[in-house]
N, C-alpha and C. Protein backbone atom coordinates (compact mmCIF):
# COMPACT_ATOMS: atom_id res chain seq x y z
N MET A 1 39.12 -29.52 -51.86
CA MET A 1 37.73 -29.34 -51.48
C MET A 1 37.62 -29.18 -49.96
N ARG A 2 38.42 -29.97 -49.24
CA ARG A 2 38.40 -29.89 -47.79
C ARG A 2 38.81 -28.49 -47.34
N THR A 3 39.78 -27.89 -47.98
CA THR A 3 40.23 -26.56 -47.65
C THR A 3 39.12 -25.53 -47.87
N LEU A 4 38.36 -25.70 -48.94
CA LEU A 4 37.24 -24.80 -49.24
C LEU A 4 36.20 -24.85 -48.12
N TRP A 5 35.83 -26.05 -47.68
CA TRP A 5 34.84 -26.19 -46.60
C TRP A 5 35.39 -25.63 -45.29
N LEU A 6 36.66 -25.80 -45.05
CA LEU A 6 37.29 -25.26 -43.85
C LEU A 6 37.24 -23.73 -43.88
N LEU A 7 37.53 -23.13 -45.03
CA LEU A 7 37.46 -21.67 -45.17
C LEU A 7 36.03 -21.15 -45.01
N ILE A 8 35.06 -21.85 -45.57
CA ILE A 8 33.65 -21.44 -45.43
C ILE A 8 33.23 -21.53 -43.96
N GLY A 9 33.62 -22.61 -43.29
CA GLY A 9 33.28 -22.76 -41.86
C GLY A 9 33.88 -21.66 -41.02
N MET A 10 35.15 -21.32 -41.31
CA MET A 10 35.81 -20.26 -40.55
C MET A 10 35.16 -18.91 -40.82
N ALA A 11 34.76 -18.67 -42.06
CA ALA A 11 34.09 -17.41 -42.40
C ALA A 11 32.75 -17.30 -41.68
N LEU A 12 31.99 -18.41 -41.64
CA LEU A 12 30.70 -18.40 -40.92
C LEU A 12 30.91 -18.18 -39.43
N LEU A 13 31.91 -18.81 -38.85
CA LEU A 13 32.20 -18.65 -37.42
C LEU A 13 32.59 -17.20 -37.12
N ALA A 14 33.45 -16.61 -37.96
CA ALA A 14 33.86 -15.22 -37.77
C ALA A 14 32.66 -14.27 -37.88
N GLY A 15 31.78 -14.54 -38.83
CA GLY A 15 30.58 -13.71 -38.98
C GLY A 15 29.67 -13.81 -37.78
N ALA A 16 29.49 -15.04 -37.26
CA ALA A 16 28.64 -15.23 -36.08
C ALA A 16 29.22 -14.53 -34.86
N LEU A 17 30.54 -14.60 -34.67
CA LEU A 17 31.18 -13.92 -33.55
C LEU A 17 31.05 -12.40 -33.67
N ALA A 18 31.23 -11.88 -34.88
CA ALA A 18 31.09 -10.43 -35.09
C ALA A 18 29.67 -9.98 -34.80
N PHE A 19 28.67 -10.74 -35.27
CA PHE A 19 27.27 -10.41 -35.02
C PHE A 19 26.97 -10.43 -33.52
N GLY A 20 27.48 -11.45 -32.83
CA GLY A 20 27.26 -11.55 -31.38
C GLY A 20 27.89 -10.40 -30.64
N ALA A 21 29.08 -9.98 -31.04
CA ALA A 21 29.74 -8.86 -30.38
C ALA A 21 28.96 -7.57 -30.56
N ILE A 22 28.45 -7.35 -31.77
CA ILE A 22 27.67 -6.14 -32.03
C ILE A 22 26.36 -6.17 -31.25
N ALA A 23 25.69 -7.31 -31.21
CA ALA A 23 24.40 -7.42 -30.51
C ALA A 23 24.56 -7.24 -29.02
N CYS A 24 25.64 -7.74 -28.44
CA CYS A 24 25.84 -7.64 -26.99
C CYS A 24 26.37 -6.28 -26.57
N ASP A 25 27.04 -5.57 -27.47
CA ASP A 25 27.64 -4.30 -27.13
C ASP A 25 26.61 -3.22 -26.91
N GLY A 26 25.55 -3.19 -27.68
CA GLY A 26 24.52 -2.16 -27.55
C GLY A 26 24.93 -0.84 -28.16
N GLY A 27 26.08 -0.80 -28.85
CA GLY A 27 26.49 0.42 -29.55
C GLY A 27 26.84 1.56 -28.62
N GLY A 28 27.16 1.28 -27.35
CA GLY A 28 27.55 2.33 -26.41
C GLY A 28 26.37 3.09 -25.84
N GLU A 29 25.14 2.76 -26.20
CA GLU A 29 23.97 3.45 -25.67
C GLU A 29 23.55 2.79 -24.36
N GLU A 30 22.93 3.59 -23.47
CA GLU A 30 22.45 3.05 -22.22
C GLU A 30 21.19 2.24 -22.48
N GLU A 31 21.12 1.09 -21.84
CA GLU A 31 20.02 0.18 -22.08
C GLU A 31 18.76 0.64 -21.35
N GLU A 32 17.62 0.60 -22.02
CA GLU A 32 16.33 0.95 -21.42
C GLU A 32 15.90 -0.18 -20.49
N PRO A 33 15.26 0.14 -19.35
CA PRO A 33 14.79 -0.92 -18.46
C PRO A 33 13.72 -1.77 -19.16
N THR A 34 13.71 -3.03 -18.86
CA THR A 34 12.72 -3.93 -19.41
C THR A 34 11.38 -3.68 -18.73
N PRO A 35 10.31 -3.42 -19.49
CA PRO A 35 9.00 -3.17 -18.87
C PRO A 35 8.59 -4.37 -18.01
N GLY A 36 8.04 -4.07 -16.83
CA GLY A 36 7.57 -5.12 -15.94
C GLY A 36 8.64 -5.67 -15.02
N VAL A 37 9.91 -5.31 -15.24
CA VAL A 37 10.99 -5.78 -14.38
C VAL A 37 11.39 -4.61 -13.50
N THR A 38 11.35 -4.83 -12.21
CA THR A 38 11.66 -3.75 -11.28
C THR A 38 12.85 -4.11 -10.42
N ALA A 39 13.53 -3.09 -9.99
CA ALA A 39 14.68 -3.29 -9.11
C ALA A 39 14.19 -3.58 -7.70
N PRO A 40 14.98 -4.29 -6.89
CA PRO A 40 14.57 -4.54 -5.52
C PRO A 40 14.50 -3.25 -4.72
N LEU A 41 13.63 -3.23 -3.72
CA LEU A 41 13.48 -2.04 -2.88
C LEU A 41 14.72 -1.85 -2.03
N PRO A 42 15.20 -0.62 -1.93
CA PRO A 42 16.34 -0.38 -1.04
C PRO A 42 15.87 -0.46 0.41
N THR A 43 16.81 -0.64 1.30
CA THR A 43 16.50 -0.67 2.72
C THR A 43 16.04 0.71 3.15
N LEU A 44 14.95 0.77 3.88
CA LEU A 44 14.44 2.04 4.38
C LEU A 44 15.33 2.54 5.49
N GLU A 45 15.77 3.78 5.38
CA GLU A 45 16.57 4.40 6.41
C GLU A 45 15.99 5.78 6.69
N PRO A 46 14.90 5.83 7.46
CA PRO A 46 14.26 7.13 7.71
C PRO A 46 15.10 7.99 8.63
N THR A 47 14.92 9.29 8.49
CA THR A 47 15.53 10.21 9.42
C THR A 47 14.74 10.13 10.71
N PRO A 48 15.37 9.75 11.81
CA PRO A 48 14.61 9.58 13.06
C PRO A 48 14.07 10.90 13.58
N THR A 49 12.85 10.86 14.07
CA THR A 49 12.24 12.01 14.71
C THR A 49 11.60 11.54 16.01
N PRO A 50 11.64 12.35 17.04
CA PRO A 50 11.08 11.91 18.32
C PRO A 50 9.57 11.77 18.31
N GLU A 51 8.88 12.45 17.37
CA GLU A 51 7.43 12.38 17.36
C GLU A 51 6.87 11.20 16.59
N GLU A 52 7.73 10.39 15.96
CA GLU A 52 7.23 9.29 15.15
C GLU A 52 6.29 8.41 15.96
N ALA A 53 5.15 8.14 15.35
CA ALA A 53 4.17 7.23 15.92
C ALA A 53 3.71 7.63 17.31
N THR A 54 3.53 8.92 17.53
CA THR A 54 3.01 9.37 18.82
C THR A 54 1.51 9.57 18.73
N PRO A 55 0.77 9.14 19.73
CA PRO A 55 -0.68 9.30 19.68
C PRO A 55 -1.09 10.76 19.86
N THR A 56 -2.31 11.05 19.43
CA THR A 56 -2.84 12.40 19.66
C THR A 56 -2.97 12.60 21.17
N GLU A 57 -3.02 13.84 21.59
CA GLU A 57 -3.08 14.15 23.01
C GLU A 57 -4.24 13.44 23.68
N GLY A 58 -3.93 12.69 24.71
CA GLY A 58 -4.95 11.98 25.47
C GLY A 58 -5.40 10.68 24.83
N ALA A 59 -4.89 10.33 23.67
CA ALA A 59 -5.32 9.11 22.99
C ALA A 59 -4.41 7.95 23.34
N THR A 60 -4.96 6.77 23.34
CA THR A 60 -4.18 5.55 23.52
C THR A 60 -4.21 4.81 22.19
N PRO A 61 -3.01 4.56 21.59
CA PRO A 61 -3.00 3.89 20.30
C PRO A 61 -3.75 2.56 20.33
N GLY A 62 -4.52 2.32 19.29
CA GLY A 62 -5.20 1.04 19.17
C GLY A 62 -6.56 0.98 19.83
N VAL A 63 -6.92 1.99 20.61
CA VAL A 63 -8.21 1.97 21.27
C VAL A 63 -9.25 2.50 20.31
N SER A 64 -10.29 1.71 20.09
CA SER A 64 -11.33 2.08 19.12
C SER A 64 -11.88 3.46 19.40
N GLY A 65 -12.08 4.23 18.33
CA GLY A 65 -12.69 5.55 18.44
C GLY A 65 -11.71 6.68 18.59
N GLU A 66 -10.40 6.40 18.77
CA GLU A 66 -9.41 7.46 18.94
C GLU A 66 -8.38 7.41 17.82
N ALA A 67 -8.01 8.56 17.33
CA ALA A 67 -7.08 8.66 16.20
C ALA A 67 -5.63 8.51 16.66
N LEU A 68 -4.78 8.13 15.73
CA LEU A 68 -3.35 8.01 15.96
C LEU A 68 -2.63 8.91 14.97
N GLU A 69 -1.83 9.84 15.48
CA GLU A 69 -1.07 10.78 14.64
C GLU A 69 0.33 10.22 14.40
N LEU A 70 0.78 10.25 13.13
CA LEU A 70 2.12 9.78 12.78
C LEU A 70 2.88 10.89 12.07
N THR A 71 4.20 10.87 12.21
CA THR A 71 5.06 11.78 11.48
C THR A 71 5.78 10.98 10.40
N LEU A 72 5.60 11.39 9.14
CA LEU A 72 6.30 10.75 8.03
C LEU A 72 7.68 11.39 7.90
N ALA A 73 8.72 10.58 8.10
CA ALA A 73 10.10 11.05 8.02
C ALA A 73 10.67 10.73 6.64
N GLU A 74 11.56 11.57 6.17
CA GLU A 74 12.19 11.31 4.87
C GLU A 74 13.00 10.03 4.91
N VAL A 75 13.12 9.39 3.75
CA VAL A 75 13.91 8.18 3.61
C VAL A 75 15.09 8.49 2.68
N ALA A 76 16.28 8.15 3.12
CA ALA A 76 17.50 8.27 2.31
C ALA A 76 17.67 9.65 1.68
N GLY A 77 17.39 10.71 2.45
CA GLY A 77 17.59 12.06 1.97
C GLY A 77 16.63 12.52 0.89
N SER A 78 15.44 11.92 0.83
CA SER A 78 14.46 12.27 -0.21
C SER A 78 13.92 13.69 -0.08
N GLY A 79 13.94 14.24 1.14
CA GLY A 79 13.37 15.57 1.36
C GLY A 79 11.87 15.56 1.51
N VAL A 80 11.25 14.38 1.48
CA VAL A 80 9.79 14.25 1.58
C VAL A 80 9.42 13.97 3.03
N THR A 81 8.61 14.86 3.62
CA THR A 81 8.14 14.69 4.99
C THR A 81 6.65 15.01 5.04
N GLY A 82 6.04 14.63 6.12
CA GLY A 82 4.61 14.92 6.26
C GLY A 82 4.04 14.29 7.51
N SER A 83 2.75 14.08 7.48
CA SER A 83 2.06 13.49 8.62
C SER A 83 0.93 12.61 8.12
N ALA A 84 0.48 11.76 9.03
CA ALA A 84 -0.66 10.89 8.72
C ALA A 84 -1.50 10.74 9.98
N THR A 85 -2.80 10.66 9.78
CA THR A 85 -3.72 10.42 10.89
C THR A 85 -4.49 9.15 10.58
N LEU A 86 -4.41 8.19 11.49
CA LEU A 86 -5.14 6.93 11.35
C LEU A 86 -6.34 7.00 12.28
N THR A 87 -7.53 6.93 11.70
CA THR A 87 -8.77 7.07 12.47
C THR A 87 -9.61 5.82 12.31
N PRO A 88 -9.96 5.16 13.42
CA PRO A 88 -10.81 3.97 13.32
C PRO A 88 -12.19 4.34 12.80
N THR A 89 -12.68 3.52 11.91
CA THR A 89 -14.04 3.69 11.40
C THR A 89 -14.77 2.37 11.63
N ASP A 90 -15.82 2.13 10.95
CA ASP A 90 -16.64 0.94 11.14
C ASP A 90 -15.92 -0.32 10.64
N GLY A 91 -15.01 -0.89 11.44
CA GLY A 91 -14.30 -2.11 11.07
C GLY A 91 -13.12 -1.90 10.15
N THR A 92 -12.78 -0.65 9.82
CA THR A 92 -11.64 -0.32 8.98
C THR A 92 -10.90 0.85 9.62
N THR A 93 -9.90 1.36 8.93
CA THR A 93 -9.18 2.53 9.42
C THR A 93 -9.01 3.52 8.28
N GLU A 94 -9.40 4.77 8.53
CA GLU A 94 -9.18 5.84 7.56
C GLU A 94 -7.76 6.37 7.76
N VAL A 95 -7.04 6.54 6.65
CA VAL A 95 -5.67 7.04 6.69
C VAL A 95 -5.63 8.36 5.90
N ALA A 96 -5.45 9.46 6.62
CA ALA A 96 -5.35 10.79 5.99
C ALA A 96 -3.88 11.19 5.99
N VAL A 97 -3.35 11.47 4.81
CA VAL A 97 -1.92 11.78 4.66
C VAL A 97 -1.75 13.19 4.12
N THR A 98 -0.80 13.92 4.70
CA THR A 98 -0.41 15.24 4.23
C THR A 98 1.10 15.22 4.01
N ILE A 99 1.53 15.53 2.79
CA ILE A 99 2.95 15.66 2.48
C ILE A 99 3.25 17.15 2.40
N ASP A 100 4.25 17.59 3.17
CA ASP A 100 4.56 19.01 3.25
C ASP A 100 5.23 19.54 2.00
N GLY A 101 5.97 18.72 1.29
CA GLY A 101 6.69 19.15 0.10
C GLY A 101 7.76 18.14 -0.25
N GLY A 102 8.47 18.43 -1.33
CA GLY A 102 9.57 17.57 -1.74
C GLY A 102 9.22 16.59 -2.84
N LEU A 103 7.94 16.52 -3.23
CA LEU A 103 7.53 15.60 -4.29
C LEU A 103 7.53 16.32 -5.63
N ALA A 104 7.88 15.60 -6.67
CA ALA A 104 7.69 16.11 -8.02
C ALA A 104 6.21 15.92 -8.35
N GLU A 105 5.67 16.76 -9.18
CA GLU A 105 4.27 16.65 -9.55
C GLU A 105 4.02 15.26 -10.14
N GLY A 106 2.99 14.57 -9.66
CA GLY A 106 2.69 13.23 -10.16
C GLY A 106 1.96 12.39 -9.14
N GLU A 107 1.96 11.08 -9.37
CA GLU A 107 1.21 10.12 -8.56
C GLU A 107 2.16 9.28 -7.71
N TYR A 108 1.78 9.04 -6.46
CA TYR A 108 2.63 8.32 -5.51
C TYR A 108 1.84 7.22 -4.81
N LEU A 109 2.52 6.13 -4.50
CA LEU A 109 1.91 4.99 -3.85
C LEU A 109 1.99 5.11 -2.34
N LEU A 110 1.03 4.54 -1.66
CA LEU A 110 0.97 4.55 -0.20
C LEU A 110 0.69 3.11 0.24
N HIS A 111 1.59 2.54 1.04
CA HIS A 111 1.45 1.14 1.48
C HIS A 111 1.54 1.03 2.99
N ILE A 112 0.98 -0.08 3.48
CA ILE A 112 1.19 -0.50 4.86
C ILE A 112 1.93 -1.83 4.81
N HIS A 113 2.99 -1.93 5.63
CA HIS A 113 3.79 -3.16 5.73
C HIS A 113 3.88 -3.57 7.19
N GLN A 114 4.19 -4.84 7.43
CA GLN A 114 4.51 -5.31 8.78
C GLN A 114 5.94 -4.89 9.10
N GLY A 115 6.24 -4.75 10.38
CA GLY A 115 7.58 -4.37 10.81
C GLY A 115 7.67 -2.90 11.12
N THR A 116 8.89 -2.37 10.97
CA THR A 116 9.14 -0.95 11.22
C THR A 116 9.92 -0.39 10.04
N CYS A 117 10.07 0.92 10.02
CA CYS A 117 10.84 1.54 8.95
C CYS A 117 12.27 1.00 8.93
N ALA A 118 12.82 0.72 10.11
CA ALA A 118 14.19 0.21 10.21
C ALA A 118 14.28 -1.30 10.02
N ALA A 119 13.24 -2.03 10.37
CA ALA A 119 13.23 -3.50 10.26
C ALA A 119 12.00 -3.90 9.45
N GLN A 120 12.15 -3.83 8.13
CA GLN A 120 11.04 -4.02 7.21
C GLN A 120 10.47 -5.43 7.28
N GLY A 121 9.16 -5.49 7.05
CA GLY A 121 8.47 -6.77 7.02
C GLY A 121 7.63 -6.91 5.78
N ALA A 122 6.71 -7.83 5.82
CA ALA A 122 5.89 -8.18 4.67
C ALA A 122 4.88 -7.08 4.32
N PHE A 123 4.57 -6.99 3.03
CA PHE A 123 3.54 -6.09 2.52
C PHE A 123 2.20 -6.50 3.11
N VAL A 124 1.40 -5.52 3.52
CA VAL A 124 0.07 -5.77 4.05
C VAL A 124 -0.99 -5.31 3.06
N GLU A 125 -0.90 -4.01 2.63
CA GLU A 125 -1.96 -3.47 1.80
C GLU A 125 -1.53 -2.19 1.10
N ALA A 126 -1.95 -2.04 -0.15
CA ALA A 126 -1.80 -0.78 -0.88
C ALA A 126 -3.04 0.05 -0.61
N LEU A 127 -2.84 1.30 -0.29
CA LEU A 127 -3.97 2.19 0.00
C LEU A 127 -4.31 2.99 -1.25
N LEU A 128 -5.59 3.02 -1.56
CA LEU A 128 -6.07 3.73 -2.74
C LEU A 128 -7.10 4.76 -2.33
N PRO A 129 -7.21 5.86 -3.01
CA PRO A 129 -6.48 6.21 -4.22
C PRO A 129 -5.04 6.61 -3.90
N ASN A 130 -4.17 6.60 -4.94
CA ASN A 130 -2.79 7.04 -4.78
C ASN A 130 -2.76 8.52 -4.45
N LEU A 131 -1.65 8.96 -3.86
CA LEU A 131 -1.45 10.38 -3.58
C LEU A 131 -1.12 11.11 -4.88
N ILE A 132 -1.67 12.29 -5.06
CA ILE A 132 -1.38 13.12 -6.23
C ILE A 132 -0.66 14.38 -5.75
N ALA A 133 0.61 14.52 -6.16
CA ALA A 133 1.40 15.68 -5.75
C ALA A 133 1.05 16.89 -6.62
N GLN A 134 1.00 18.03 -5.97
CA GLN A 134 0.71 19.30 -6.63
C GLN A 134 2.01 19.91 -7.17
N PRO A 135 1.92 20.94 -8.00
CA PRO A 135 3.14 21.57 -8.53
C PRO A 135 4.10 22.07 -7.46
N ASP A 136 3.58 22.42 -6.26
CA ASP A 136 4.47 22.90 -5.19
C ASP A 136 5.12 21.76 -4.40
N GLY A 137 4.87 20.51 -4.77
CA GLY A 137 5.49 19.36 -4.11
C GLY A 137 4.71 18.80 -2.94
N SER A 138 3.57 19.40 -2.64
CA SER A 138 2.75 18.92 -1.52
C SER A 138 1.70 17.93 -2.05
N ALA A 139 1.14 17.17 -1.12
CA ALA A 139 0.07 16.24 -1.48
C ALA A 139 -0.79 15.98 -0.26
N GLU A 140 -2.07 15.78 -0.50
CA GLU A 140 -3.00 15.40 0.55
C GLU A 140 -3.90 14.32 0.00
N GLY A 141 -4.23 13.37 0.84
CA GLY A 141 -5.12 12.32 0.38
C GLY A 141 -5.66 11.52 1.55
N THR A 142 -6.78 10.90 1.32
CA THR A 142 -7.40 10.05 2.33
C THR A 142 -7.72 8.72 1.68
N ALA A 143 -7.34 7.66 2.37
CA ALA A 143 -7.60 6.30 1.89
C ALA A 143 -8.13 5.49 3.06
N GLU A 144 -8.58 4.29 2.76
CA GLU A 144 -9.10 3.43 3.82
C GLU A 144 -8.41 2.08 3.72
N THR A 145 -7.94 1.60 4.85
CA THR A 145 -7.35 0.26 4.91
C THR A 145 -8.39 -0.70 5.47
N THR A 146 -8.31 -1.94 5.05
CA THR A 146 -9.24 -2.95 5.56
C THR A 146 -8.84 -3.40 6.97
N GLN A 147 -7.68 -2.96 7.43
CA GLN A 147 -7.19 -3.32 8.77
C GLN A 147 -7.81 -2.38 9.81
N THR A 148 -8.15 -2.92 10.95
CA THR A 148 -8.61 -2.05 12.04
C THR A 148 -7.39 -1.42 12.70
N LEU A 149 -7.59 -0.30 13.38
CA LEU A 149 -6.49 0.34 14.09
C LEU A 149 -5.97 -0.59 15.19
N ASP A 150 -6.86 -1.34 15.82
CA ASP A 150 -6.44 -2.31 16.83
C ASP A 150 -5.48 -3.34 16.23
N THR A 151 -5.78 -3.82 15.02
CA THR A 151 -4.91 -4.78 14.35
C THR A 151 -3.56 -4.15 14.00
N LEU A 152 -3.59 -2.92 13.49
CA LEU A 152 -2.35 -2.24 13.10
C LEU A 152 -1.44 -1.95 14.28
N THR A 153 -2.01 -1.76 15.47
CA THR A 153 -1.19 -1.45 16.64
C THR A 153 -0.96 -2.67 17.53
N ALA A 154 -1.51 -3.81 17.15
CA ALA A 154 -1.28 -5.04 17.93
C ALA A 154 0.16 -5.53 17.74
N THR A 155 0.71 -5.35 16.55
CA THR A 155 2.11 -5.65 16.25
C THR A 155 2.65 -4.49 15.42
N ASP A 156 3.96 -4.42 15.27
CA ASP A 156 4.56 -3.32 14.53
C ASP A 156 4.17 -3.34 13.06
N HIS A 157 3.80 -2.17 12.56
CA HIS A 157 3.51 -1.93 11.14
C HIS A 157 4.14 -0.58 10.79
N TYR A 158 4.25 -0.30 9.50
CA TYR A 158 4.69 1.02 9.09
C TYR A 158 3.97 1.45 7.83
N LEU A 159 3.87 2.77 7.67
CA LEU A 159 3.23 3.40 6.52
C LEU A 159 4.35 3.99 5.67
N VAL A 160 4.33 3.74 4.36
CA VAL A 160 5.42 4.21 3.50
C VAL A 160 4.86 4.82 2.22
N VAL A 161 5.46 5.95 1.80
CA VAL A 161 5.12 6.63 0.55
C VAL A 161 6.20 6.27 -0.46
N PHE A 162 5.78 5.78 -1.65
CA PHE A 162 6.69 5.34 -2.69
C PHE A 162 6.54 6.16 -3.96
N ASP A 163 7.64 6.29 -4.70
CA ASP A 163 7.63 6.75 -6.09
C ASP A 163 8.04 5.52 -6.89
N GLN A 164 7.08 4.82 -7.46
CA GLN A 164 7.32 3.53 -8.10
C GLN A 164 7.91 2.57 -7.07
N ASN A 165 9.21 2.27 -7.14
CA ASN A 165 9.82 1.35 -6.19
C ASN A 165 10.77 2.03 -5.22
N THR A 166 10.76 3.35 -5.18
CA THR A 166 11.66 4.09 -4.31
C THR A 166 10.90 4.64 -3.11
N PRO A 167 11.22 4.17 -1.90
CA PRO A 167 10.56 4.73 -0.72
C PRO A 167 11.03 6.16 -0.47
N LEU A 168 10.09 7.05 -0.18
CA LEU A 168 10.40 8.47 0.00
C LEU A 168 10.18 8.95 1.42
N ALA A 169 9.16 8.41 2.09
CA ALA A 169 8.85 8.82 3.46
C ALA A 169 8.23 7.63 4.19
N CYS A 170 8.46 7.58 5.50
CA CYS A 170 8.03 6.41 6.27
C CYS A 170 7.64 6.83 7.69
N ALA A 171 6.66 6.13 8.27
CA ALA A 171 6.26 6.34 9.66
C ALA A 171 5.94 5.00 10.29
N ASP A 172 6.50 4.77 11.47
CA ASP A 172 6.19 3.55 12.21
C ASP A 172 4.82 3.67 12.86
N ILE A 173 4.05 2.59 12.77
CA ILE A 173 2.79 2.47 13.51
C ILE A 173 3.14 1.52 14.65
N ALA A 174 3.59 2.07 15.75
CA ALA A 174 4.15 1.27 16.83
C ALA A 174 3.10 0.42 17.52
N ALA A 175 3.53 -0.78 17.90
CA ALA A 175 2.63 -1.66 18.66
C ALA A 175 2.39 -1.02 20.03
N SER A 176 1.13 -1.13 20.47
CA SER A 176 0.81 -0.51 21.78
C SER A 176 1.00 -1.50 22.89
């Protein structure tokens, strides 16, 4: 009788191991990402341009009433470039963005963070509405941040265009 129970126990153990191996293997198929779980953001490495974060002609960054022109540089070879104009309004800042091309047709996120493109900092604000790319890869949009231009230029900030969690283009909003 003891031998019978030993054989039954071994058979159950073998079955459990086989089931576990099949369940963990996934049958050789690539696993789908779990909804709601996102990968960490890669380090932003924009292509440097000399015009990044340069004020409009005759303008002083951060001074109320004058716009600040930014150049959006591609990140990690994305091919996405463009420009942004930050214009002070009544206690807020209007952000007008133009993407020259390189985007697939769809919706893109626009954020402001503390720090610089090279030395990333904390998230500040998502700008809405999102950018909508056209079939030719270009996009234009205007959003409003609750931050004043004086606040954005008091310390380093940056503007970044995302495709979900992948940064595509970035511009430093340099402290004045």
